[in-house]
Amino acid sequence: MNQARLSDHAYAGIVEIIKSKELEVGARLPSEARLAEMFGVSRAIVREALVRLASDGITEARRGAGSFVKSRPSDRLAAFMPMSELPTTLGSYEVRFVLEAEACRLAATRRTSMEMAHVEEGMEMLRQALLSNAPAHAEDMELHRRIAAATGNPAFLVTFDALWSDVEKIMRAGVDISRSRPPEVIATMLREHEVIVDAIRAQDAEGAALAMRWHLWEGRRRLMP
């Protein structure tokens, strides 16, 4: 097993410890040495996994004290992906922060009136789906694809489609988890998309990029309880 796979193994194992032992937010994780012993890997591998977990908002390191639980993945996530896939699936956010924020920036600068109408149509389809009992993930994906297409650079769409499998799982889970919560959560999700589209319409490149980064950040946070 290569180092990346070992890191994924440790990442998933730490998430399983958090879930199986029902560790609450603020609880201290076992030491790096203990985790390395439990998973049969080196401390360097455990450290790499903890850095990725911290990046995904699940743990946080405190100097001289160790790592602590920052947020717990929603129990509903298991319906959409096994925990062994969580590191790869959440890892797609790192790519999307770069890819989709820049796509928004360029779409705001380059979009034609026809492309803007296409994006607005996608926004309306998503609005109708989110406000109904429909799954809504297909409409969510379609709006993001239309924004990528509005860059005028086909490579953005090719790259986004390469992430399709992981992004689809996230969007399915995100809508399902959000619908299990108070109605304002779906309203917030809808508003995040509207802010992105509004910025592209106004040709506000920086505002569009910032709105997309905020939406992705909040979307990742919604996967936690």
Protein backbone atom coordinates (compact mmCIF):
# COMPACT_ATOMS: atom_id res chain seq x y z
CA MET A 1 0.00 0.00 0.00
CA ASN A 2 1.51 3.36 -1.03
CA GLN A 3 1.80 6.36 1.27
CA ALA A 4 -1.36 8.05 -0.05
CA ARG A 5 -3.40 4.89 0.56
CA LEU A 6 -1.90 4.53 4.04
CA SER A 7 -2.83 8.13 4.80
CA ASP A 8 -6.40 7.46 3.60
CA HIS A 9 -6.49 4.37 5.85
CA ALA A 10 -5.40 6.42 8.87
CA TYR A 11 -7.80 9.26 8.01
CA ALA A 12 -10.79 6.88 7.76
CA GLY A 13 -9.66 5.09 10.92
CA ILE A 14 -9.56 8.30 12.93
CA VAL A 15 -13.05 9.24 11.68
CA GLU A 16 -14.25 5.78 12.73
CA ILE A 17 -12.78 6.30 16.22
CA ILE A 18 -14.64 9.61 16.49
CA LYS A 19 -17.90 7.95 15.42
CA SER A 20 -17.64 4.58 17.19
CA LYS A 21 -16.48 6.05 20.49
CA GLU A 22 -19.00 8.89 20.08
CA LEU A 23 -16.33 11.48 20.77
CA GLU A 24 -17.92 14.89 21.16
CA VAL A 25 -16.60 18.17 19.79
CA GLY A 26 -13.65 19.20 21.95
CA ALA A 27 -12.68 15.62 22.86
CA ARG A 28 -8.99 14.77 22.65
CA LEU A 29 -7.89 12.11 20.17
CA PRO A 30 -5.36 9.42 21.09
CA SER A 31 -1.73 10.48 20.69
CA GLU A 32 0.03 10.20 17.33
CA ALA A 33 2.08 7.32 18.72
CA ARG A 34 -1.04 5.47 19.87
CA LEU A 35 -2.83 6.06 16.56
CA ALA A 36 0.23 4.82 14.64
CA GLU A 37 0.22 1.66 16.76
CA MET A 38 -3.53 1.14 16.26
CA PHE A 39 -3.34 1.44 12.46
CA GLY A 40 0.03 -0.22 11.96
CA VAL A 41 1.54 2.81 10.23
CA SER A 42 4.27 5.34 10.97
CA ARG A 43 3.71 8.51 12.96
CA ALA A 44 4.48 10.46 9.77
CA ILE A 45 1.48 8.82 8.09
CA VAL A 46 -0.73 9.62 11.09
CA ARG A 47 0.51 13.20 11.05
CA GLU A 48 -0.34 13.53 7.35
CA ALA A 49 -3.85 12.15 8.01
CA LEU A 50 -4.35 14.62 10.87
CA VAL A 51 -3.29 17.53 8.67
CA ARG A 52 -5.90 16.49 6.09
CA LEU A 53 -8.56 16.02 8.79
CA ALA A 54 -7.81 19.51 10.09
CA SER A 55 -8.06 20.88 6.55
CA ASP A 56 -11.48 19.23 6.24
CA GLY A 57 -12.60 20.82 9.51
CA ILE A 58 -12.95 17.53 11.42
CA THR A 59 -10.04 17.92 13.84
CA GLU A 60 -7.81 20.69 15.12
CA ALA A 61 -4.30 20.61 16.50
CA ARG A 62 -3.41 22.46 19.69
CA ARG A 63 0.25 23.13 20.21
CA GLY A 64 1.68 20.87 22.89
CA ALA A 65 -1.70 19.29 23.65
CA GLY A 66 -2.45 17.05 20.66
CA SER A 67 -5.39 16.85 18.26
CA PHE A 68 -9.02 17.39 19.19
CA VAL A 69 -12.39 16.80 17.55
CA LYS A 70 -13.60 19.99 15.86
CA SER A 71 -16.72 18.57 14.18
CA ARG A 72 -18.22 15.12 13.66
CA PRO A 73 -19.30 13.92 10.19
CA SER A 74 -23.06 13.51 10.03
CA ASP A 75 -24.31 9.98 10.62
CA ARG A 76 -26.38 10.40 7.44
CA LEU A 77 -23.18 10.50 5.37
CA ALA A 78 -22.90 6.71 5.63
CA ALA A 79 -25.96 6.39 3.37
CA PHE A 80 -24.01 8.03 0.54
CA MET A 81 -20.45 6.78 0.99
CA PRO A 82 -18.50 4.37 3.17
CA MET A 83 -16.15 6.09 5.59
CA SER A 84 -13.22 4.58 3.65
CA GLU A 85 -14.14 6.93 0.77
CA LEU A 86 -14.49 10.02 2.94
CA PRO A 87 -10.87 11.24 2.62
CA THR A 88 -10.98 11.13 -1.19
CA THR A 89 -14.48 12.56 -1.43
CA LEU A 90 -13.85 15.46 0.95
CA GLY A 91 -10.45 15.93 -0.67
CA SER A 92 -12.24 16.96 -3.85
CA TYR A 93 -13.16 20.19 -2.07
CA GLU A 94 -9.52 21.28 -2.19
CA VAL A 95 -9.60 21.04 -5.98
CA ARG A 96 -13.00 22.70 -6.22
CA PHE A 97 -11.91 25.68 -4.11
CA VAL A 98 -9.32 26.44 -6.79
CA LEU A 99 -11.21 25.29 -9.89
CA GLU A 100 -14.69 26.68 -9.24
CA ALA A 101 -13.65 29.96 -7.65
CA GLU A 102 -11.54 30.73 -10.72
CA ALA A 103 -14.34 29.53 -13.02
CA CYS A 104 -16.67 32.04 -11.34
CA ARG A 105 -14.09 34.78 -11.70
CA LEU A 106 -13.69 34.12 -15.43
CA ALA A 107 -17.41 33.55 -16.01
CA ALA A 108 -18.16 36.97 -14.53
CA THR A 109 -15.59 38.53 -16.85
CA ARG A 110 -16.29 36.60 -20.06
CA ARG A 111 -19.89 35.39 -20.02
CA THR A 112 -22.06 36.29 -22.98
CA SER A 113 -25.72 37.26 -22.62
CA MET A 114 -26.66 33.79 -23.88
CA GLU A 115 -24.40 32.08 -21.33
CA MET A 116 -25.82 34.30 -18.58
CA ALA A 117 -29.34 33.25 -19.57
CA HIS A 118 -28.18 29.62 -19.45
CA VAL A 119 -26.79 30.13 -15.91
CA GLU A 120 -29.98 31.88 -14.81
CA GLU A 121 -32.08 29.03 -16.19
CA GLY A 122 -29.93 26.60 -14.19
CA MET A 123 -30.48 28.72 -11.09
CA GLU A 124 -34.24 28.59 -11.57
CA MET A 125 -34.19 24.80 -12.01
CA LEU A 126 -32.19 24.46 -8.79
CA ARG A 127 -34.56 26.78 -6.94
CA GLN A 128 -37.59 24.72 -7.96
CA ALA A 129 -35.87 21.45 -7.01
CA LEU A 130 -34.68 22.69 -3.61
CA LEU A 131 -38.10 24.06 -2.74
CA SER A 132 -39.76 20.76 -3.64
CA ASN A 133 -39.13 17.23 -2.41
CA ALA A 134 -36.99 16.41 -5.46
CA PRO A 135 -33.43 15.15 -4.82
CA ALA A 136 -31.99 18.43 -6.31
CA HIS A 137 -28.42 17.14 -6.71
CA ALA A 138 -28.75 16.90 -10.51
CA GLU A 139 -29.89 20.52 -10.72
CA ASP A 140 -27.09 21.57 -8.36
CA MET A 141 -24.51 19.82 -10.55
CA GLU A 142 -26.02 21.36 -13.68
CA LEU A 143 -25.78 24.91 -12.35
CA HIS A 144 -22.13 24.42 -11.41
CA ARG A 145 -21.46 22.97 -14.88
CA ARG A 146 -23.15 25.90 -16.58
CA ILE A 147 -20.98 28.33 -14.62
CA ALA A 148 -17.87 26.38 -15.70
CA ALA A 149 -19.08 26.48 -19.32
CA ALA A 150 -19.56 30.26 -19.09
CA THR A 151 -15.78 30.67 -18.75
CA GLY A 152 -15.51 29.97 -22.47
CA ASN A 153 -12.68 27.55 -21.66
CA PRO A 154 -13.71 23.90 -22.23
CA ALA A 155 -10.91 22.70 -19.94
CA PHE A 156 -12.85 23.93 -16.89
CA LEU A 157 -15.80 21.74 -17.83
CA VAL A 158 -13.59 18.73 -18.54
CA THR A 159 -11.88 19.11 -15.17
CA PHE A 160 -15.15 19.58 -13.31
CA ASP A 161 -16.63 16.49 -14.98
CA ALA A 162 -13.55 14.49 -13.94
CA LEU A 163 -14.64 15.12 -10.32
CA TRP A 164 -18.21 14.03 -11.10
CA SER A 165 -18.31 10.91 -8.92
CA ASP A 166 -17.09 12.61 -5.74
CA VAL A 167 -19.04 15.83 -6.32
CA GLU A 168 -22.27 13.93 -6.94
CA LYS A 169 -21.92 12.06 -3.63
CA ILE A 170 -21.30 15.33 -1.81
CA MET A 171 -24.25 17.09 -3.42
CA ARG A 172 -26.60 14.16 -2.73
CA ALA A 173 -25.48 14.02 0.89
CA GLY A 174 -25.53 17.79 1.32
CA VAL A 175 -29.16 18.17 0.21
CA ASP A 176 -30.30 15.14 2.23
CA ILE A 177 -28.56 16.30 5.41
CA SER A 178 -29.79 19.87 4.95
CA ARG A 179 -33.38 18.69 4.51
CA SER A 180 -33.14 16.82 7.83
CA ARG A 181 -32.53 20.17 9.53
CA PRO A 182 -34.67 23.32 9.98
CA PRO A 183 -36.04 24.84 6.72
CA GLU A 184 -33.72 27.83 6.91
CA VAL A 185 -30.78 25.55 6.05
CA ILE A 186 -32.16 24.91 2.55
CA ALA A 187 -33.00 28.62 2.27
CA THR A 188 -29.37 29.45 3.10
CA MET A 189 -28.09 26.98 0.51
CA LEU A 190 -30.37 28.56 -2.08
CA ARG A 191 -29.22 32.06 -1.18
CA GLU A 192 -25.55 31.08 -1.54
CA HIS A 193 -26.20 30.05 -5.14
CA GLU A 194 -28.17 33.24 -5.79
CA VAL A 195 -25.27 35.39 -4.58
CA ILE A 196 -22.92 33.58 -6.99
CA VAL A 197 -25.28 34.09 -9.93
CA ASP A 198 -25.92 37.74 -8.99
CA ALA A 199 -22.17 38.43 -8.98
CA ILE A 200 -21.70 36.79 -12.38
CA ARG A 201 -24.62 38.83 -13.74
CA ALA A 202 -23.06 42.03 -12.36
CA GLN A 203 -19.70 41.00 -13.87
CA ASP A 204 -18.16 41.26 -10.40
CA ALA A 205 -15.25 38.86 -10.84
CA GLU A 206 -13.86 39.07 -7.29
CA GLY A 207 -17.31 38.91 -5.75
CA ALA A 208 -18.21 35.83 -7.80
CA ALA A 209 -15.01 34.02 -6.81
CA LEU A 210 -15.51 34.89 -3.14
CA ALA A 211 -19.17 33.81 -3.25
CA MET A 212 -18.23 30.42 -4.70
CA ARG A 213 -15.49 29.85 -2.12
CA TRP A 214 -17.94 30.72 0.66
CA HIS A 215 -20.58 28.38 -0.79
CA LEU A 216 -18.11 25.49 -1.00
CA TRP A 217 -16.83 26.17 2.52
CA GLU A 218 -20.37 26.21 3.89
CA GLY A 219 -21.28 23.13 1.85
CA ARG A 220 -18.46 21.16 3.43
CA ARG A 221 -19.55 22.38 6.87
CA ARG A 222 -23.11 21.20 6.22
CA LEU A 223 -21.84 17.62 5.96
CA MET A 224 -21.19 17.79 9.70
CA PRO A 225 -23.94 17.75 12.38
